[in-house]
Amino acid sequence: MQNKHAYVSQQEAPFPAGKVLISKTDTKGVITYCNDEFEAISGYTREELIGKSHNIVRHPDMPPSAFKWMWDTLKSER
């Protein structure tokens, strides 16, 4: 798969009103499931998302420490 979204487009994707974005990963952060809304706002097809690291949808300005905190919290079952 060629990553067609490896850059920041400066185009805002409005959050769909009344919708919930859901994705599931394994313990290594590999996407195992996503709902239709998550797929649509990601800009990728479900086939491009499943089996890939969740980082595929991470904005490059998001600090790695935010994800470390999230994974530490999840692993401690909080």
PDB file of N, CA and C in Angstrom:
ATOM      1  N   MET A   1       0.839  -1.180   0.000  1.00  0.00           N
ATOM      2  CA  MET A   1       0.000   0.000   0.000  1.00  0.00           C
ATOM      3  C   MET A   1       0.879   1.236   0.000  1.00  0.00           C
ATOM      4  N   GLN A   2       0.599   2.140  -0.848  1.00  0.00           N
ATOM      5  CA  GLN A   2       1.290   3.424  -0.838  1.00  0.00           C
ATOM      6  C   GLN A   2       0.517   4.368   0.063  1.00  0.00           C
ATOM      7  N   ASN A   3       1.227   4.977   1.012  1.00  0.00           N
ATOM      8  CA  ASN A   3       0.551   5.859   1.960  1.00  0.00           C
ATOM      9  C   ASN A   3       0.222   7.174   1.286  1.00  0.00           C
ATOM     10  N   LYS A   4      -1.022   7.315   0.869  1.00  0.00           N
ATOM     11  CA  LYS A   4      -1.459   8.523   0.173  1.00  0.00           C
ATOM     12  C   LYS A   4      -1.688   9.686   1.118  1.00  0.00           C
ATOM     13  N   HIS A   5      -1.550   9.438   2.436  1.00  0.00           N
ATOM     14  CA  HIS A   5      -1.816  10.468   3.434  1.00  0.00           C
ATOM     15  C   HIS A   5      -0.581  10.730   4.298  1.00  0.00           C
ATOM     16  N   ALA A   6       0.595  10.596   3.739  1.00  0.00           N
ATOM     17  CA  ALA A   6       1.820  10.752   4.511  1.00  0.00           C
ATOM     18  C   ALA A   6       2.150  12.224   4.766  1.00  0.00           C
ATOM     19  N   TYR A   7       1.290  13.096   4.392  1.00  0.00           N
ATOM     20  CA  TYR A   7       1.506  14.518   4.595  1.00  0.00           C
ATOM     21  C   TYR A   7       0.267  15.123   5.238  1.00  0.00           C
ATOM     22  N   VAL A   8       0.421  16.301   5.787  1.00  0.00           N
ATOM     23  CA  VAL A   8      -0.718  17.022   6.354  1.00  0.00           C
ATOM     24  C   VAL A   8      -1.289  17.884   5.240  1.00  0.00           C
ATOM     25  N   SER A   9      -2.571  17.698   4.951  1.00  0.00           N
ATOM     26  CA  SER A   9      -3.183  18.364   3.797  1.00  0.00           C
ATOM     27  C   SER A   9      -3.650  19.784   4.090  1.00  0.00           C
ATOM     28  N   GLN A  10      -3.709  20.159   5.372  1.00  0.00           N
ATOM     29  CA  GLN A  10      -4.261  21.449   5.775  1.00  0.00           C
ATOM     30  C   GLN A  10      -5.745  21.547   5.445  1.00  0.00           C
ATOM     31  N   GLN A  11      -6.395  20.403   5.198  1.00  0.00           N
ATOM     32  CA  GLN A  11      -7.832  20.372   4.971  1.00  0.00           C
ATOM     33  C   GLN A  11      -8.489  19.708   6.171  1.00  0.00           C
ATOM     34  N   GLU A  12      -9.361  20.461   6.825  1.00  0.00           N
ATOM     35  CA  GLU A  12     -10.043  19.939   7.991  1.00  0.00           C
ATOM     36  C   GLU A  12     -11.113  18.942   7.574  1.00  0.00           C
ATOM     37  N   ALA A  13     -11.167  17.828   8.297  1.00  0.00           N
ATOM     38  CA  ALA A  13     -12.235  16.845   8.096  1.00  0.00           C
ATOM     39  C   ALA A  13     -13.202  17.013   9.259  1.00  0.00           C
ATOM     40  N   PRO A  14     -14.373  17.606   9.013  1.00  0.00           N
ATOM     41  CA  PRO A  14     -15.296  17.839  10.117  1.00  0.00           C
ATOM     42  C   PRO A  14     -15.758  16.531  10.743  1.00  0.00           C
ATOM     43  N   PHE A  15     -15.842  16.551  12.071  1.00  0.00           N
ATOM     44  CA  PHE A  15     -16.296  15.375  12.797  1.00  0.00           C
ATOM     45  C   PHE A  15     -17.782  15.178  12.518  1.00  0.00           C
ATOM     46  N   PRO A  16     -18.170  13.958  12.139  1.00  0.00           N
ATOM     47  CA  PRO A  16     -19.582  13.733  11.803  1.00  0.00           C
ATOM     48  C   PRO A  16     -20.500  13.844  13.024  1.00  0.00           C
ATOM     49  N   ALA A  17     -21.452  14.758  12.978  1.00  0.00           N
ATOM     50  CA  ALA A  17     -22.385  14.975  14.088  1.00  0.00           C
ATOM     51  C   ALA A  17     -23.166  13.705  14.380  1.00  0.00           C
ATOM     52  N   GLY A  18     -23.268  13.384  15.662  1.00  0.00           N
ATOM     53  CA  GLY A  18     -24.053  12.231  16.072  1.00  0.00           C
ATOM     54  C   GLY A  18     -23.403  10.890  15.786  1.00  0.00           C
ATOM     55  N   LYS A  19     -22.167  10.876  15.374  1.00  0.00           N
ATOM     56  CA  LYS A  19     -21.464   9.633  15.041  1.00  0.00           C
ATOM     57  C   LYS A  19     -20.370   9.366  16.062  1.00  0.00           C
ATOM     58  N   VAL A  20     -19.957   8.135  16.142  1.00  0.00           N
ATOM     59  CA  VAL A  20     -18.882   7.726  17.035  1.00  0.00           C
ATOM     60  C   VAL A  20     -17.832   7.020  16.204  1.00  0.00           C
ATOM     61  N   LEU A  21     -16.584   7.414  16.406  1.00  0.00           N
ATOM     62  CA  LEU A  21     -15.484   6.754  15.702  1.00  0.00           C
ATOM     63  C   LEU A  21     -14.972   5.618  16.577  1.00  0.00           C
ATOM     64  N   ILE A  22     -14.916   4.423  16.019  1.00  0.00           N
ATOM     65  CA  ILE A  22     -14.471   3.264  16.781  1.00  0.00           C
ATOM     66  C   ILE A  22     -13.397   2.535  16.001  1.00  0.00           C
ATOM     67  N   SER A  23     -12.308   2.260  16.693  1.00  0.00           N
ATOM     68  CA  SER A  23     -11.283   1.375  16.137  1.00  0.00           C
ATOM     69  C   SER A  23     -10.798   0.488  17.265  1.00  0.00           C
ATOM     70  N   LYS A  24     -10.376  -0.699  16.901  1.00  0.00           N
ATOM     71  CA  LYS A  24      -9.815  -1.639  17.871  1.00  0.00           C
ATOM     72  C   LYS A  24      -8.454  -2.058  17.364  1.00  0.00           C
ATOM     73  N   THR A  25      -7.536  -2.261  18.323  1.00  0.00           N
ATOM     74  CA  THR A  25      -6.206  -2.730  17.959  1.00  0.00           C
ATOM     75  C   THR A  25      -5.839  -3.924  18.824  1.00  0.00           C
ATOM     76  N   ASP A  26      -4.793  -4.614  18.388  1.00  0.00           N
ATOM     77  CA  ASP A  26      -4.229  -5.631  19.261  1.00  0.00           C
ATOM     78  C   ASP A  26      -3.275  -4.925  20.226  1.00  0.00           C
ATOM     79  N   THR A  27      -2.569  -5.684  21.061  1.00  0.00           N
ATOM     80  CA  THR A  27      -1.703  -5.065  22.068  1.00  0.00           C
ATOM     81  C   THR A  27      -0.465  -4.405  21.469  1.00  0.00           C
ATOM     82  N   LYS A  28      -0.225  -4.608  20.197  1.00  0.00           N
ATOM     83  CA  LYS A  28       0.898  -3.945  19.526  1.00  0.00           C
ATOM     84  C   LYS A  28       0.452  -2.702  18.752  1.00  0.00           C
ATOM     85  N   GLY A  29      -0.843  -2.368  18.827  1.00  0.00           N
ATOM     86  CA  GLY A  29      -1.335  -1.174  18.151  1.00  0.00           C
ATOM     87  C   GLY A  29      -1.721  -1.400  16.701  1.00  0.00           C
ATOM     88  N   VAL A  30      -1.875  -2.656  16.285  1.00  0.00           N
ATOM     89  CA  VAL A  30      -2.268  -2.981  14.915  1.00  0.00           C
ATOM     90  C   VAL A  30      -3.797  -3.010  14.851  1.00  0.00           C
ATOM     91  N   ILE A  31      -4.348  -2.288  13.897  1.00  0.00           N
ATOM     92  CA  ILE A  31      -5.798  -2.170  13.780  1.00  0.00           C
ATOM     93  C   ILE A  31      -6.405  -3.522  13.408  1.00  0.00           C
ATOM     94  N   THR A  32      -7.400  -3.942  14.212  1.00  0.00           N
ATOM     95  CA  THR A  32      -8.101  -5.192  13.949  1.00  0.00           C
ATOM     96  C   THR A  32      -9.557  -4.958  13.551  1.00  0.00           C
ATOM     97  N   TYR A  33     -10.066  -3.759  13.820  1.00  0.00           N
ATOM     98  CA  TYR A  33     -11.458  -3.429  13.491  1.00  0.00           C
ATOM     99  C   TYR A  33     -11.600  -1.918  13.429  1.00  0.00           C
ATOM    100  N   CYS A  34     -12.489  -1.463  12.559  1.00  0.00           N
ATOM    101  CA  CYS A  34     -12.913  -0.062  12.583  1.00  0.00           C
ATOM    102  C   CYS A  34     -14.337   0.006  12.052  1.00  0.00           C
ATOM    103  N   ASN A  35     -15.098   0.960  12.575  1.00  0.00           N
ATOM    104  CA  ASN A  35     -16.464   1.114  12.089  1.00  0.00           C
ATOM    105  C   ASN A  35     -16.473   1.989  10.829  1.00  0.00           C
ATOM    106  N   ASP A  36     -17.641   2.074  10.199  1.00  0.00           N
ATOM    107  CA  ASP A  36     -17.762   2.816   8.944  1.00  0.00           C
ATOM    108  C   ASP A  36     -17.363   4.275   9.092  1.00  0.00           C
ATOM    109  N   GLU A  37     -17.741   4.898  10.221  1.00  0.00           N
ATOM    110  CA  GLU A  37     -17.424   6.315  10.425  1.00  0.00           C
ATOM    111  C   GLU A  37     -15.918   6.538  10.537  1.00  0.00           C
ATOM    112  N   PHE A  38     -15.236   5.639  11.250  1.00  0.00           N
ATOM    113  CA  PHE A  38     -13.785   5.747  11.378  1.00  0.00           C
ATOM    114  C   PHE A  38     -13.134   5.622  10.007  1.00  0.00           C
ATOM    115  N   GLU A  39     -13.588   4.643   9.243  1.00  0.00           N
ATOM    116  CA  GLU A  39     -13.046   4.451   7.889  1.00  0.00           C
ATOM    117  C   GLU A  39     -13.245   5.712   7.048  1.00  0.00           C
ATOM    118  N   ALA A  40     -14.449   6.253   7.083  1.00  0.00           N
ATOM    119  CA  ALA A  40     -14.766   7.411   6.241  1.00  0.00           C
ATOM    120  C   ALA A  40     -13.912   8.628   6.591  1.00  0.00           C
ATOM    121  N   ILE A  41     -13.762   8.921   7.876  1.00  0.00           N
ATOM    122  CA  ILE A  41     -13.018  10.131   8.254  1.00  0.00           C
ATOM    123  C   ILE A  41     -11.507   9.927   8.117  1.00  0.00           C
ATOM    124  N   SER A  42     -11.053   8.676   8.128  1.00  0.00           N
ATOM    125  CA  SER A  42      -9.612   8.409   8.033  1.00  0.00           C
ATOM    126  C   SER A  42      -9.047   8.722   6.652  1.00  0.00           C
ATOM    127  N   GLY A  43      -9.885   8.609   5.631  1.00  0.00           N
ATOM    128  CA  GLY A  43      -9.399   8.793   4.271  1.00  0.00           C
ATOM    129  C   GLY A  43      -8.830   7.521   3.663  1.00  0.00           C
ATOM    130  N   TYR A  44      -8.846   6.449   4.417  1.00  0.00           N
ATOM    131  CA  TYR A  44      -8.377   5.157   3.941  1.00  0.00           C
ATOM    132  C   TYR A  44      -9.556   4.215   3.782  1.00  0.00           C
ATOM    133  N   THR A  45      -9.370   3.164   3.006  1.00  0.00           N
ATOM    134  CA  THR A  45     -10.376   2.114   2.952  1.00  0.00           C
ATOM    135  C   THR A  45     -10.150   1.185   4.132  1.00  0.00           C
ATOM    136  N   ARG A  46     -11.168   0.424   4.471  1.00  0.00           N
ATOM    137  CA  ARG A  46     -11.039  -0.548   5.565  1.00  0.00           C
ATOM    138  C   ARG A  46      -9.902  -1.528   5.269  1.00  0.00           C
ATOM    139  N   GLU A  47      -9.770  -1.932   4.021  1.00  0.00           N
ATOM    140  CA  GLU A  47      -8.701  -2.853   3.646  1.00  0.00           C
ATOM    141  C   GLU A  47      -7.312  -2.242   3.871  1.00  0.00           C
ATOM    142  N   GLU A  48      -7.205  -0.929   3.715  1.00  0.00           N
ATOM    143  CA  GLU A  48      -5.935  -0.250   3.960  1.00  0.00           C
ATOM    144  C   GLU A  48      -5.658  -0.087   5.449  1.00  0.00           C
ATOM    145  N   LEU A  49      -6.692  -0.072   6.270  1.00  0.00           N
ATOM    146  CA  LEU A  49      -6.532   0.137   7.707  1.00  0.00           C
ATOM    147  C   LEU A  49      -6.261  -1.151   8.478  1.00  0.00           C
ATOM    148  N   ILE A  50      -7.051  -2.196   8.218  1.00  0.00           N
ATOM    149  CA  ILE A  50      -6.932  -3.444   8.973  1.00  0.00           C
ATOM    150  C   ILE A  50      -5.550  -4.052   8.751  1.00  0.00           C
ATOM    151  N   GLY A  51      -4.897  -4.377   9.852  1.00  0.00           N
ATOM    152  CA  GLY A  51      -3.561  -4.969   9.775  1.00  0.00           C
ATOM    153  C   GLY A  51      -2.422  -3.960   9.798  1.00  0.00           C
ATOM    154  N   LYS A  52      -2.771  -2.670   9.827  1.00  0.00           N
ATOM    155  CA  LYS A  52      -1.749  -1.619   9.864  1.00  0.00           C
ATOM    156  C   LYS A  52      -1.663  -1.029  11.268  1.00  0.00           C
ATOM    157  N   SER A  53      -0.520  -0.440  11.559  1.00  0.00           N
ATOM    158  CA  SER A  53      -0.354   0.258  12.831  1.00  0.00           C
ATOM    159  C   SER A  53      -1.340   1.421  12.900  1.00  0.00           C
ATOM    160  N   HIS A  54      -1.907   1.637  14.092  1.00  0.00           N
ATOM    161  CA  HIS A  54      -2.852   2.742  14.277  1.00  0.00           C
ATOM    162  C   HIS A  54      -2.179   4.083  13.977  1.00  0.00           C
ATOM    163  N   ASN A  55      -0.868   4.113  13.990  1.00  0.00           N
ATOM    164  CA  ASN A  55      -0.142   5.348  13.663  1.00  0.00           C
ATOM    165  C   ASN A  55      -0.432   5.834  12.244  1.00  0.00           C
ATOM    166  N   ILE A  56      -1.015   4.982  11.417  1.00  0.00           N
ATOM    167  CA  ILE A  56      -1.338   5.380  10.045  1.00  0.00           C
ATOM    168  C   ILE A  56      -2.263   6.594  10.031  1.00  0.00           C
ATOM    169  N   VAL A  57      -3.057   6.769  11.076  1.00  0.00           N
ATOM    170  CA  VAL A  57      -3.986   7.902  11.124  1.00  0.00           C
ATOM    171  C   VAL A  57      -3.538   8.987  12.106  1.00  0.00           C
ATOM    172  N   ARG A  58      -2.355   8.840  12.650  1.00  0.00           N
ATOM    173  CA  ARG A  58      -1.854   9.821  13.633  1.00  0.00           C
ATOM    174  C   ARG A  58      -1.355  11.077  12.930  1.00  0.00           C
ATOM    175  N   HIS A  59      -1.778  12.214  13.417  1.00  0.00           N
ATOM    176  CA  HIS A  59      -1.282  13.490  12.889  1.00  0.00           C
ATOM    177  C   HIS A  59       0.176  13.635  13.305  1.00  0.00           C
ATOM    178  N   PRO A  60       1.045  14.093  12.414  1.00  0.00           N
ATOM    179  CA  PRO A  60       2.469  14.182  12.748  1.00  0.00           C
ATOM    180  C   PRO A  60       2.792  15.143  13.892  1.00  0.00           C
ATOM    181  N   ASP A  61       1.887  16.060  14.219  1.00  0.00           N
ATOM    182  CA  ASP A  61       2.125  16.974  15.331  1.00  0.00           C
ATOM    183  C   ASP A  61       1.724  16.390  16.682  1.00  0.00           C
ATOM    184  N   MET A  62       1.099  15.223  16.684  1.00  0.00           N
ATOM    185  CA  MET A  62       0.694  14.584  17.942  1.00  0.00           C
ATOM    186  C   MET A  62       1.943  14.043  18.634  1.00  0.00           C
ATOM    187  N   PRO A  63       2.201  14.479  19.850  1.00  0.00           N
ATOM    188  CA  PRO A  63       3.436  14.040  20.521  1.00  0.00           C
ATOM    189  C   PRO A  63       3.366  12.552  20.893  1.00  0.00           C
ATOM    190  N   PRO A  64       4.465  11.832  20.689  1.00  0.00           N
ATOM    191  CA  PRO A  64       4.507  10.414  21.063  1.00  0.00           C
ATOM    192  C   PRO A  64       4.160  10.180  22.526  1.00  0.00           C
ATOM    193  N   SER A  65       4.429  11.149  23.395  1.00  0.00           N
ATOM    194  CA  SER A  65       4.129  10.981  24.818  1.00  0.00           C
ATOM    195  C   SER A  65       2.631  10.793  25.075  1.00  0.00           C
ATOM    196  N   ALA A  66       1.778  11.363  24.224  1.00  0.00           N
ATOM    197  CA  ALA A  66       0.327  11.187  24.386  1.00  0.00           C
ATOM    198  C   ALA A  66      -0.050   9.724  24.184  1.00  0.00           C
ATOM    199  N   PHE A  67       0.587   9.082  23.223  1.00  0.00           N
ATOM    200  CA  PHE A  67       0.288   7.676  22.968  1.00  0.00           C
ATOM    201  C   PHE A  67       0.922   6.777  24.020  1.00  0.00           C
ATOM    202  N   LYS A  68       2.077   7.162  24.520  1.00  0.00           N
ATOM    203  CA  LYS A  68       2.684   6.389  25.600  1.00  0.00           C
ATOM    204  C   LYS A  68       1.759   6.401  26.806  1.00  0.00           C
ATOM    205  N   TRP A  69       1.215   7.585  27.139  1.00  0.00           N
ATOM    206  CA  TRP A  69       0.288   7.695  28.261  1.00  0.00           C
ATOM    207  C   TRP A  69      -0.931   6.811  28.022  1.00  0.00           C
ATOM    208  N   MET A  70      -1.485   6.864  26.811  1.00  0.00           N
ATOM    209  CA  MET A  70      -2.665   6.062  26.499  1.00  0.00           C
ATOM    210  C   MET A  70      -2.371   4.570  26.668  1.00  0.00           C
ATOM    211  N   TRP A  71      -1.251   4.094  26.093  1.00  0.00           N
ATOM    212  CA  TRP A  71      -0.926   2.668  26.185  1.00  0.00           C
ATOM    213  C   TRP A  71      -0.618   2.259  27.619  1.00  0.00           C
ATOM    214  N   ASP A  72       0.076   3.114  28.352  1.00  0.00           N
ATOM    215  CA  ASP A  72       0.344   2.806  29.767  1.00  0.00           C
ATOM    216  C   ASP A  72      -0.973   2.679  30.539  1.00  0.00           C
ATOM    217  N   THR A  73      -1.923   3.578  30.255  1.00  0.00           N
ATOM    218  CA  THR A  73      -3.221   3.557  30.926  1.00  0.00           C
ATOM    219  C   THR A  73      -3.996   2.290  30.559  1.00  0.00           C
ATOM    220  N   LEU A  74      -4.014   1.949  29.295  1.00  0.00           N
ATOM    221  CA  LEU A  74      -4.743   0.752  28.858  1.00  0.00           C
ATOM    222  C   LEU A  74      -4.121  -0.518  29.441  1.00  0.00           C
ATOM    223  N   LYS A  75      -2.803  -0.578  29.432  1.00  0.00           N
ATOM    224  CA  LYS A  75      -2.128  -1.781  29.943  1.00  0.00           C
ATOM    225  C   LYS A  75      -2.335  -1.957  31.450  1.00  0.00           C
ATOM    226  N   SER A  76      -2.558  -0.856  32.158  1.00  0.00           N
ATOM    227  CA  SER A  76      -2.812  -0.955  33.596  1.00  0.00           C
ATOM    228  C   SER A  76      -4.302  -1.153  33.870  1.00  0.00           C
ATOM    229  N   GLU A  77      -5.095  -1.316  32.801  1.00  0.00           N
ATOM    230  CA  GLU A  77      -6.536  -1.560  32.883  1.00  0.00           C
ATOM    231  C   GLU A  77      -7.299  -0.445  33.577  1.00  0.00           C
ATOM    232  N   ARG A  78      -6.837   0.789  33.399  1.00  0.00           N
ATOM    233  CA  ARG A  78      -7.550   1.947  33.962  1.00  0.00           C
ATOM    234  C   ARG A  78      -8.400   2.587  32.894  1.00  0.00           C
TER     235      ARG A  78
END
